[in-house]
């Protein structure tokens, strides 16, 4: 399924993903540029972000890390080693509260 990926122009860090579909369809609905700008402003300074449209499959962040190469604007997928898969909070880090939007 295609979706928009918003990323930091300098680092390539993915800031947000967004997709809009009609019920029963897998065809990405085009979002007007002004609506995309409004959405990005809620997340980060728009001057810091850029976007691409991708059709890479949705994958668990437990298994892979995604980022965008800012120069080529291509989404890069890095498989994570099995030993990085967390079975709970890492020692020394506070547990995140659900619904608090933790970092």
PDB file of N, CA and C in Angstrom:
ATOM      1  N   UNK A   1       0.826  -1.185   0.000  1.00  0.00           N
ATOM      2  CA  UNK A   1       0.000   0.000   0.000  1.00  0.00           C
ATOM      3  C   UNK A   1       0.871   1.249   0.000  1.00  0.00           C
ATOM      4  N   UNK A   2       0.514   2.203  -0.807  1.00  0.00           N
ATOM      5  CA  UNK A   2       1.283   3.443  -0.865  1.00  0.00           C
ATOM      6  C   UNK A   2       0.928   4.345   0.313  1.00  0.00           C
ATOM      7  N   UNK A   3       1.923   5.129   0.751  1.00  0.00           N
ATOM      8  CA  UNK A   3       1.696   6.093   1.824  1.00  0.00           C
ATOM      9  C   UNK A   3       2.731   7.204   1.742  1.00  0.00           C
ATOM     10  N   UNK A   4       2.397   8.332   2.350  1.00  0.00           N
ATOM     11  CA  UNK A   4       3.324   9.453   2.446  1.00  0.00           C
ATOM     12  C   UNK A   4       4.250   9.205   3.631  1.00  0.00           C
ATOM     13  N   UNK A   5       5.531   9.507   3.457  1.00  0.00           N
ATOM     14  CA  UNK A   5       6.489   9.455   4.564  1.00  0.00           C
ATOM     15  C   UNK A   5       7.101  10.838   4.691  1.00  0.00           C
ATOM     16  N   UNK A   6       6.977  11.431   5.888  1.00  0.00           N
ATOM     17  CA  UNK A   6       7.586  12.721   6.172  1.00  0.00           C
ATOM     18  C   UNK A   6       8.886  12.470   6.910  1.00  0.00           C
ATOM     19  N   UNK A   7       9.953  13.150   6.474  1.00  0.00           N
ATOM     20  CA  UNK A   7      11.265  12.902   7.052  1.00  0.00           C
ATOM     21  C   UNK A   7      12.022  14.210   7.256  1.00  0.00           C
ATOM     22  N   UNK A   8      13.009  14.171   8.150  1.00  0.00           N
ATOM     23  CA  UNK A   8      13.874  15.309   8.405  1.00  0.00           C
ATOM     24  C   UNK A   8      14.809  15.476   7.206  1.00  0.00           C
ATOM     25  N   UNK A   9      14.830  16.671   6.624  1.00  0.00           N
ATOM     26  CA  UNK A   9      15.632  16.920   5.414  1.00  0.00           C
ATOM     27  C   UNK A   9      17.119  16.692   5.622  1.00  0.00           C
ATOM     28  N   UNK A  10      17.621  16.918   6.833  1.00  0.00           N
ATOM     29  CA  UNK A  10      19.063  16.771   7.086  1.00  0.00           C
ATOM     30  C   UNK A  10      19.448  15.351   7.471  1.00  0.00           C
ATOM     31  N   UNK A  11      18.682  14.732   8.392  1.00  0.00           N
ATOM     32  CA  UNK A  11      19.073  13.428   8.930  1.00  0.00           C
ATOM     33  C   UNK A  11      18.416  12.239   8.254  1.00  0.00           C
ATOM     34  N   UNK A  12      17.262  12.462   7.613  1.00  0.00           N
ATOM     35  CA  UNK A  12      16.527  11.357   7.010  1.00  0.00           C
ATOM     36  C   UNK A  12      15.641  10.618   7.993  1.00  0.00           C
ATOM     37  N   UNK A  13      15.621  11.058   9.261  1.00  0.00           N
ATOM     38  CA  UNK A  13      14.781  10.419  10.269  1.00  0.00           C
ATOM     39  C   UNK A  13      13.310  10.557   9.872  1.00  0.00           C
ATOM     40  N   UNK A  14      12.580   9.459   9.952  1.00  0.00           N
ATOM     41  CA  UNK A  14      11.162   9.491   9.622  1.00  0.00           C
ATOM     42  C   UNK A  14      10.410  10.114  10.792  1.00  0.00           C
ATOM     43  N   UNK A  15       9.617  11.137  10.475  1.00  0.00           N
ATOM     44  CA  UNK A  15       8.882  11.874  11.486  1.00  0.00           C
ATOM     45  C   UNK A  15       7.428  11.431  11.576  1.00  0.00           C
ATOM     46  N   UNK A  16       6.858  11.003  10.445  1.00  0.00           N
ATOM     47  CA  UNK A  16       5.437  10.655  10.417  1.00  0.00           C
ATOM     48  C   UNK A  16       5.128   9.950   9.099  1.00  0.00           C
ATOM     49  N   UNK A  17       4.152   9.059   9.121  1.00  0.00           N
ATOM     50  CA  UNK A  17       3.637   8.475   7.881  1.00  0.00           C
ATOM     51  C   UNK A  17       2.148   8.770   7.811  1.00  0.00           C
ATOM     52  N   UNK A  18       1.618   8.837   6.599  1.00  0.00           N
ATOM     53  CA  UNK A  18       0.216   9.197   6.423  1.00  0.00           C
ATOM     54  C   UNK A  18      -0.323   8.548   5.162  1.00  0.00           C
ATOM     55  N   UNK A  19      -1.551   8.050   5.244  1.00  0.00           N
ATOM     56  CA  UNK A  19      -2.201   7.495   4.070  1.00  0.00           C
ATOM     57  C   UNK A  19      -3.696   7.743   4.156  1.00  0.00           C
ATOM     58  N   UNK A  20      -4.324   7.903   3.004  1.00  0.00           N
ATOM     59  CA  UNK A  20      -5.764   8.126   2.913  1.00  0.00           C
ATOM     60  C   UNK A  20      -6.295   7.214   1.818  1.00  0.00           C
ATOM     61  N   UNK A  21      -7.285   6.381   2.156  1.00  0.00           N
ATOM     62  CA  UNK A  21      -7.895   5.455   1.212  1.00  0.00           C
ATOM     63  C   UNK A  21      -9.406   5.571   1.290  1.00  0.00           C
ATOM     64  N   UNK A  22     -10.076   5.268   0.186  1.00  0.00           N
ATOM     65  CA  UNK A  22     -11.527   5.119   0.217  1.00  0.00           C
ATOM     66  C   UNK A  22     -11.826   3.721   0.732  1.00  0.00           C
ATOM     67  N   UNK A  23     -12.936   3.572   1.432  1.00  0.00           N
ATOM     68  CA  UNK A  23     -13.320   2.261   1.950  1.00  0.00           C
ATOM     69  C   UNK A  23     -13.339   1.240   0.817  1.00  0.00           C
ATOM     70  N   UNK A  24     -12.705   0.083   1.029  1.00  0.00           N
ATOM     71  CA  UNK A  24     -12.715  -0.988   0.062  1.00  0.00           C
ATOM     72  C   UNK A  24     -11.702  -0.840  -1.061  1.00  0.00           C
ATOM     73  N   UNK A  25     -10.831   0.187  -0.974  1.00  0.00           N
ATOM     74  CA  UNK A  25      -9.847   0.422  -2.024  1.00  0.00           C
ATOM     75  C   UNK A  25      -8.446   0.415  -1.435  1.00  0.00           C
ATOM     76  N   UNK A  26      -7.491  -0.015  -2.229  1.00  0.00           N
ATOM     77  CA  UNK A  26      -6.091   0.058  -1.808  1.00  0.00           C
ATOM     78  C   UNK A  26      -5.358   1.141  -2.583  1.00  0.00           C
ATOM     79  N   UNK A  27      -6.099   2.009  -3.281  1.00  0.00           N
ATOM     80  CA  UNK A  27      -5.497   3.075  -4.061  1.00  0.00           C
ATOM     81  C   UNK A  27      -5.325   4.315  -3.180  1.00  0.00           C
ATOM     82  N   UNK A  28      -4.090   4.779  -3.063  1.00  0.00           N
ATOM     83  CA  UNK A  28      -3.791   5.956  -2.253  1.00  0.00           C
ATOM     84  C   UNK A  28      -4.522   7.164  -2.820  1.00  0.00           C
ATOM     85  N   UNK A  29      -5.236   7.865  -1.969  1.00  0.00           N
ATOM     86  CA  UNK A  29      -5.913   9.086  -2.379  1.00  0.00           C
ATOM     87  C   UNK A  29      -4.936  10.244  -2.248  1.00  0.00           C
ATOM     88  N   UNK A  30      -4.841  11.056  -3.268  1.00  0.00           N
ATOM     89  CA  UNK A  30      -3.937  12.199  -3.225  1.00  0.00           C
ATOM     90  C   UNK A  30      -4.441  13.201  -2.198  1.00  0.00           C
ATOM     91  N   UNK A  31      -3.532  13.668  -1.359  1.00  0.00           N
ATOM     92  CA  UNK A  31      -3.864  14.656  -0.344  1.00  0.00           C
ATOM     93  C   UNK A  31      -3.396  16.009  -0.864  1.00  0.00           C
ATOM     94  N   UNK A  32      -4.269  17.020  -0.858  1.00  0.00           N
ATOM     95  CA  UNK A  32      -3.867  18.342  -1.337  1.00  0.00           C
ATOM     96  C   UNK A  32      -2.651  18.865  -0.575  1.00  0.00           C
ATOM     97  N   UNK A  33      -1.769  19.560  -1.286  1.00  0.00           N
ATOM     98  CA  UNK A  33      -0.526  20.071  -0.695  1.00  0.00           C
ATOM     99  C   UNK A  33      -0.791  20.911   0.552  1.00  0.00           C
ATOM    100  N   UNK A  34      -1.844  21.723   0.542  1.00  0.00           N
ATOM    101  CA  UNK A  34      -2.147  22.575   1.698  1.00  0.00           C
ATOM    102  C   UNK A  34      -2.509  21.738   2.929  1.00  0.00           C
ATOM    103  N   UNK A  35      -3.238  20.646   2.724  1.00  0.00           N
ATOM    104  CA  UNK A  35      -3.579  19.760   3.841  1.00  0.00           C
ATOM    105  C   UNK A  35      -2.325  19.087   4.395  1.00  0.00           C
ATOM    106  N   UNK A  36      -1.418  18.662   3.507  1.00  0.00           N
ATOM    107  CA  UNK A  36      -0.156  18.067   3.961  1.00  0.00           C
ATOM    108  C   UNK A  36       0.654  19.066   4.781  1.00  0.00           C
ATOM    109  N   UNK A  37       0.700  20.323   4.335  1.00  0.00           N
ATOM    110  CA  UNK A  37       1.433  21.360   5.072  1.00  0.00           C
ATOM    111  C   UNK A  37       0.840  21.571   6.453  1.00  0.00           C
ATOM    112  N   UNK A  38      -0.498  21.618   6.539  1.00  0.00           N
ATOM    113  CA  UNK A  38      -1.153  21.795   7.848  1.00  0.00           C
ATOM    114  C   UNK A  38      -0.817  20.642   8.776  1.00  0.00           C
ATOM    115  N   UNK A  39      -0.830  19.429   8.246  1.00  0.00           N
ATOM    116  CA  UNK A  39      -0.539  18.260   9.055  1.00  0.00           C
ATOM    117  C   UNK A  39       0.906  18.282   9.551  1.00  0.00           C
ATOM    118  N   UNK A  40       1.833  18.630   8.664  1.00  0.00           N
ATOM    119  CA  UNK A  40       3.249  18.663   9.039  1.00  0.00           C
ATOM    120  C   UNK A  40       3.498  19.713  10.113  1.00  0.00           C
ATOM    121  N   UNK A  41       2.834  20.862  10.028  1.00  0.00           N
ATOM    122  CA  UNK A  41       3.023  21.924  11.029  1.00  0.00           C
ATOM    123  C   UNK A  41       2.666  21.450  12.436  1.00  0.00           C
ATOM    124  N   UNK A  42       1.753  20.499  12.545  1.00  0.00           N
ATOM    125  CA  UNK A  42       1.384  19.967  13.863  1.00  0.00           C
ATOM    126  C   UNK A  42       2.477  19.067  14.426  1.00  0.00           C
ATOM    127  N   UNK A  43       3.331  18.561  13.562  1.00  0.00           N
ATOM    128  CA  UNK A  43       4.348  17.596  13.971  1.00  0.00           C
ATOM    129  C   UNK A  43       5.708  18.251  14.173  1.00  0.00           C
ATOM    130  N   UNK A  44       6.104  19.102  13.217  1.00  0.00           N
ATOM    131  CA  UNK A  44       7.460  19.649  13.209  1.00  0.00           C
ATOM    132  C   UNK A  44       7.471  20.920  12.368  1.00  0.00           C
ATOM    133  N   UNK A  45       8.535  21.695  12.474  1.00  0.00           N
ATOM    134  CA  UNK A  45       8.702  22.882  11.638  1.00  0.00           C
ATOM    135  C   UNK A  45       8.722  22.437  10.170  1.00  0.00           C
ATOM    136  N   UNK A  46       7.787  22.931   9.345  1.00  0.00           N
ATOM    137  CA  UNK A  46       7.719  22.492   7.941  1.00  0.00           C
ATOM    138  C   UNK A  46       9.007  22.729   7.155  1.00  0.00           C
ATOM    139  N   UNK A  47       9.790  23.729   7.539  1.00  0.00           N
ATOM    140  CA  UNK A  47      11.048  23.981   6.838  1.00  0.00           C
ATOM    141  C   UNK A  47      12.044  22.846   7.074  1.00  0.00           C
ATOM    142  N   UNK A  48      11.841  22.070   8.128  1.00  0.00           N
ATOM    143  CA  UNK A  48      12.746  20.975   8.486  1.00  0.00           C
ATOM    144  C   UNK A  48      12.353  19.656   7.804  1.00  0.00           C
ATOM    145  N   UNK A  49      11.110  19.572   7.296  1.00  0.00           N
ATOM    146  CA  UNK A  49      10.598  18.295   6.799  1.00  0.00           C
ATOM    147  C   UNK A  49      10.401  18.290   5.286  1.00  0.00           C
ATOM    148  N   UNK A  50      10.451  17.087   4.730  1.00  0.00           N
ATOM    149  CA  UNK A  50      10.144  16.843   3.330  1.00  0.00           C
ATOM    150  C   UNK A  50       9.325  15.553   3.293  1.00  0.00           C
ATOM    151  N   UNK A  51       8.772  15.200   2.144  1.00  0.00           N
ATOM    152  CA  UNK A  51       7.984  13.973   2.074  1.00  0.00           C
ATOM    153  C   UNK A  51       8.250  13.227   0.771  1.00  0.00           C
ATOM    154  N   UNK A  52       8.005  11.927   0.830  1.00  0.00           N
ATOM    155  CA  UNK A  52       8.056  11.056  -0.340  1.00  0.00           C
ATOM    156  C   UNK A  52       6.835  10.145  -0.274  1.00  0.00           C
ATOM    157  N   UNK A  53       6.473   9.586  -1.417  1.00  0.00           N
ATOM    158  CA  UNK A  53       5.421   8.573  -1.451  1.00  0.00           C
ATOM    159  C   UNK A  53       6.116   7.241  -1.698  1.00  0.00           C
ATOM    160  N   UNK A  54       5.761   6.246  -0.898  1.00  0.00           N
ATOM    161  CA  UNK A  54       6.399   4.941  -1.029  1.00  0.00           C
ATOM    162  C   UNK A  54       5.350   3.843  -1.046  1.00  0.00           C
ATOM    163  N   UNK A  55       5.724   2.696  -1.569  1.00  0.00           N
ATOM    164  CA  UNK A  55       4.828   1.543  -1.541  1.00  0.00           C
ATOM    165  C   UNK A  55       5.502   0.351  -0.873  1.00  0.00           C
ATOM    166  N   UNK A  56       6.535   0.623  -0.057  1.00  0.00           N
ATOM    167  CA  UNK A  56       7.148  -0.485   0.670  1.00  0.00           C
ATOM    168  C   UNK A  56       6.135  -1.037   1.661  1.00  0.00           C
ATOM    169  N   UNK A  57       6.150  -2.337   1.892  1.00  0.00           N
ATOM    170  CA  UNK A  57       5.171  -2.916   2.815  1.00  0.00           C
ATOM    171  C   UNK A  57       5.388  -2.421   4.244  1.00  0.00           C
ATOM    172  N   UNK A  58       4.303  -2.327   4.988  1.00  0.00           N
ATOM    173  CA  UNK A  58       4.385  -1.957   6.399  1.00  0.00           C
ATOM    174  C   UNK A  58       5.122  -3.076   7.118  1.00  0.00           C
ATOM    175  N   UNK A  59       6.111  -2.711   7.940  1.00  0.00           N
ATOM    176  CA  UNK A  59       6.912  -3.698   8.646  1.00  0.00           C
ATOM    177  C   UNK A  59       7.043  -3.286  10.106  1.00  0.00           C
ATOM    178  N   UNK A  60       7.184  -4.248  10.964  1.00  0.00           N
ATOM    179  CA  UNK A  60       7.304  -4.004  12.391  1.00  0.00           C
ATOM    180  C   UNK A  60       8.602  -3.275  12.709  1.00  0.00           C
ATOM    181  N   UNK A  61       8.515  -2.241  13.555  1.00  0.00           N
ATOM    182  CA  UNK A  61       9.714  -1.519  13.969  1.00  0.00           C
ATOM    183  C   UNK A  61      10.563  -2.361  14.914  1.00  0.00           C
ATOM    184  N   UNK A  62      10.044  -3.503  15.330  1.00  0.00           N
ATOM    185  CA  UNK A  62      10.827  -4.432  16.142  1.00  0.00           C
ATOM    186  C   UNK A  62      11.805  -5.195  15.246  1.00  0.00           C
ATOM    187  N   UNK A  63      11.436  -5.361  13.972  1.00  0.00           N
ATOM    188  CA  UNK A  63      12.256  -6.142  13.048  1.00  0.00           C
ATOM    189  C   UNK A  63      13.136  -5.310  12.136  1.00  0.00           C
ATOM    190  N   UNK A  64      12.702  -4.095  11.791  1.00  0.00           N
ATOM    191  CA  UNK A  64      13.461  -3.268  10.865  1.00  0.00           C
ATOM    192  C   UNK A  64      13.490  -1.815  11.332  1.00  0.00           C
ATOM    193  N   UNK A  65      14.485  -1.102  10.838  1.00  0.00           N
ATOM    194  CA  UNK A  65      14.598   0.336  11.048  1.00  0.00           C
ATOM    195  C   UNK A  65      14.489   0.993   9.677  1.00  0.00           C
ATOM    196  N   UNK A  66      13.679   2.040   9.584  1.00  0.00           N
ATOM    197  CA  UNK A  66      13.502   2.752   8.323  1.00  0.00           C
ATOM    198  C   UNK A  66      14.024   4.171   8.452  1.00  0.00           C
ATOM    199  N   UNK A  67      14.629   4.667   7.405  1.00  0.00           N
ATOM    200  CA  UNK A  67      14.964   6.078   7.298  1.00  0.00           C
ATOM    201  C   UNK A  67      15.071   6.424   5.822  1.00  0.00           C
ATOM    202  N   UNK A  68      15.136   7.707   5.540  1.00  0.00           N
ATOM    203  CA  UNK A  68      15.174   8.172   4.158  1.00  0.00           C
ATOM    204  C   UNK A  68      16.544   8.777   3.875  1.00  0.00           C
ATOM    205  N   UNK A  69      17.128   8.443   2.736  1.00  0.00           N
ATOM    206  CA  UNK A  69      18.354   9.101   2.308  1.00  0.00           C
ATOM    207  C   UNK A  69      17.926  10.472   1.778  1.00  0.00           C
ATOM    208  N   UNK A  70      18.295  11.556   2.477  1.00  0.00           N
ATOM    209  CA  UNK A  70      17.829  12.890   2.074  1.00  0.00           C
ATOM    210  C   UNK A  70      18.264  13.299   0.662  1.00  0.00           C
ATOM    211  N   UNK A  71      19.419  12.810   0.200  1.00  0.00           N
ATOM    212  CA  UNK A  71      19.901  13.183  -1.132  1.00  0.00           C
ATOM    213  C   UNK A  71      19.137  12.473  -2.238  1.00  0.00           C
ATOM    214  N   UNK A  72      18.903  11.165  -2.070  1.00  0.00           N
ATOM    215  CA  UNK A  72      18.228  10.389  -3.110  1.00  0.00           C
ATOM    216  C   UNK A  72      16.717  10.304  -2.889  1.00  0.00           C
ATOM    217  N   UNK A  73      16.277  10.646  -1.663  1.00  0.00           N
ATOM    218  CA  UNK A  73      14.860  10.583  -1.272  1.00  0.00           C
ATOM    219  C   UNK A  73      14.317   9.157  -1.351  1.00  0.00           C
ATOM    220  N   UNK A  74      15.181   8.179  -1.143  1.00  0.00           N
ATOM    221  CA  UNK A  74      14.777   6.767  -1.141  1.00  0.00           C
ATOM    222  C   UNK A  74      14.681   6.274   0.296  1.00  0.00           C
ATOM    223  N   UNK A  75      13.661   5.440   0.555  1.00  0.00           N
ATOM    224  CA  UNK A  75      13.483   4.849   1.876  1.00  0.00           C
ATOM    225  C   UNK A  75      14.444   3.671   2.002  1.00  0.00           C
ATOM    226  N   UNK A  76      15.220   3.671   3.083  1.00  0.00           N
ATOM    227  CA  UNK A  76      16.194   2.610   3.329  1.00  0.00           C
ATOM    228  C   UNK A  76      15.702   1.734   4.480  1.00  0.00           C
ATOM    229  N   UNK A  77      15.785   0.435   4.291  1.00  0.00           N
ATOM    230  CA  UNK A  77      15.323  -0.527   5.291  1.00  0.00           C
ATOM    231  C   UNK A  77      16.533  -1.259   5.841  1.00  0.00           C
ATOM    232  N   UNK A  78      16.682  -1.252   7.164  1.00  0.00           N
ATOM    233  CA  UNK A  78      17.777  -1.966   7.814  1.00  0.00           C
ATOM    234  C   UNK A  78      17.178  -3.012   8.740  1.00  0.00           C
ATOM    235  N   UNK A  79      17.496  -4.287   8.498  1.00  0.00           N
ATOM    236  CA  UNK A  79      17.027  -5.340   9.400  1.00  0.00           C
ATOM    237  C   UNK A  79      17.780  -5.229  10.722  1.00  0.00           C
ATOM    238  N   UNK A  80      17.036  -5.347  11.813  1.00  0.00           N
ATOM    239  CA  UNK A  80      17.644  -5.269  13.131  1.00  0.00           C
ATOM    240  C   UNK A  80      18.066  -6.653  13.600  1.00  0.00           C
ATOM    241  N   UNK A  81      19.197  -6.727  14.319  1.00  0.00           N
ATOM    242  CA  UNK A  81      19.620  -8.021  14.862  1.00  0.00           C
ATOM    243  C   UNK A  81      18.584  -8.530  15.864  1.00  0.00           C
ATOM    244  N   UNK A  82      18.442  -9.833  15.925  1.00  0.00           N
ATOM    245  CA  UNK A  82      17.453 -10.432  16.830  1.00  0.00           C
ATOM    246  C   UNK A  82      17.664 -10.030  18.282  1.00  0.00           C
ATOM    247  N   UNK A  83      18.905  -9.808  18.699  1.00  0.00           N
ATOM    248  CA  UNK A  83      19.162  -9.486  20.105  1.00  0.00           C
ATOM    249  C   UNK A  83      18.698  -8.075  20.480  1.00  0.00           C
ATOM    250  N   UNK A  84      18.296  -7.248  19.495  1.00  0.00           N
ATOM    251  CA  UNK A  84      17.762  -5.919  19.796  1.00  0.00           C
ATOM    252  C   UNK A  84      16.274  -5.951  20.091  1.00  0.00           C
ATOM    253  N   UNK A  85      15.625  -7.068  19.799  1.00  0.00           N
ATOM    254  CA  UNK A  85      14.189  -7.167  20.055  1.00  0.00           C
ATOM    255  C   UNK A  85      13.960  -7.169  21.562  1.00  0.00           C
ATOM    256  N   UNK A  86      13.315  -6.136  22.042  1.00  0.00           N
ATOM    257  CA  UNK A  86      13.107  -5.976  23.477  1.00  0.00           C
ATOM    258  C   UNK A  86      11.978  -6.874  23.971  1.00  0.00           C
ATOM    259  N   UNK A  87      12.186  -7.467  25.140  1.00  0.00           N
ATOM    260  CA  UNK A  87      11.139  -8.264  25.767  1.00  0.00           C
ATOM    261  C   UNK A  87      10.491  -7.454  26.884  1.00  0.00           C
ATOM    262  N   UNK A  88      10.908  -6.229  27.051  1.00  0.00           N
ATOM    263  CA  UNK A  88      10.379  -5.342  28.082  1.00  0.00           C
ATOM    264  C   UNK A  88      11.251  -4.106  28.129  1.00  0.00           C
ATOM    265  N   UNK A  89      10.976  -3.179  29.063  1.00  0.00           N
ATOM    266  CA  UNK A  89      11.792  -1.964  29.154  1.00  0.00           C
ATOM    267  C   UNK A  89      13.246  -2.305  29.464  1.00  0.00           C
ATOM    268  N   UNK A  90      14.159  -1.571  28.830  1.00  0.00           N
ATOM    269  CA  UNK A  90      15.575  -1.782  29.111  1.00  0.00           C
ATOM    270  C   UNK A  90      15.903  -1.242  30.501  1.00  0.00           C
ATOM    271  N   UNK A  91      16.813  -1.889  31.212  1.00  0.00           N
ATOM    272  CA  UNK A  91      17.182  -1.413  32.546  1.00  0.00           C
ATOM    273  C   UNK A  91      17.664   0.035  32.494  1.00  0.00           C
ATOM    274  N   UNK A  92      17.232   0.825  33.468  1.00  0.00           N
ATOM    275  CA  UNK A  92      17.686   2.207  33.560  1.00  0.00           C
ATOM    276  C   UNK A  92      16.833   3.187  32.777  1.00  0.00           C
ATOM    277  N   UNK A  93      15.910   2.718  31.962  1.00  0.00           N
ATOM    278  CA  UNK A  93      15.039   3.604  31.209  1.00  0.00           C
ATOM    279  C   UNK A  93      13.629   3.547  31.781  1.00  0.00           C
ATOM    280  N   UNK A  94      12.980   4.692  31.934  1.00  0.00           N
ATOM    281  CA  UNK A  94      11.614   4.665  32.463  1.00  0.00           C
ATOM    282  C   UNK A  94      10.654   4.042  31.469  1.00  0.00           C
ATOM    283  N   UNK A  95       9.679   3.305  31.970  1.00  0.00           N
ATOM    284  CA  UNK A  95       8.654   2.718  31.101  1.00  0.00           C
ATOM    285  C   UNK A  95       7.761   3.833  30.569  1.00  0.00           C
ATOM    286  N   UNK A  96       7.344   3.698  29.324  1.00  0.00           N
ATOM    287  CA  UNK A  96       6.469   4.696  28.715  1.00  0.00           C
ATOM    288  C   UNK A  96       5.024   4.445  29.148  1.00  0.00           C
ATOM    289  N   UNK A  97       4.288   5.512  29.345  1.00  0.00           N
ATOM    290  CA  UNK A  97       2.886   5.387  29.685  1.00  0.00           C
ATOM    291  C   UNK A  97       2.054   5.416  28.412  1.00  0.00           C
ATOM    292  N   UNK A  98       1.120   4.503  28.290  1.00  0.00           N
ATOM    293  CA  UNK A  98       0.256   4.453  27.119  1.00  0.00           C
ATOM    294  C   UNK A  98      -0.596   5.710  27.093  1.00  0.00           C
ATOM    295  N   UNK A  99      -0.676   6.326  25.904  1.00  0.00           N
ATOM    296  CA  UNK A  99      -1.503   7.510  25.735  1.00  0.00           C
ATOM    297  C   UNK A  99      -0.827   8.811  26.104  1.00  0.00           C
ATOM    298  N   UNK A 100       0.413   8.758  26.548  1.00  0.00           N
ATOM    299  CA  UNK A 100       1.129   9.957  26.933  1.00  0.00           C
ATOM    300  C   UNK A 100       2.015  10.484  25.804  1.00  0.00           C
ATOM    301  N   UNK A 101       2.117   9.746  24.695  1.00  0.00           N
ATOM    302  CA  UNK A 101       2.935  10.183  23.578  1.00  0.00           C
ATOM    303  C   UNK A 101       4.414  10.222  23.908  1.00  0.00           C
ATOM    304  N   UNK A 102       4.871   9.274  24.709  1.00  0.00           N
ATOM    305  CA  UNK A 102       6.252   9.249  25.193  1.00  0.00           C
ATOM    306  C   UNK A 102       7.275   9.183  24.086  1.00  0.00           C
ATOM    307  N   UNK A 103       8.482   9.493  24.425  1.00  0.00           N
ATOM    308  CA  UNK A 103       9.587   9.477  23.476  1.00  0.00           C
ATOM    309  C   UNK A 103      10.507   8.345  23.820  1.00  0.00           C
TER     310      UNK A 103
END
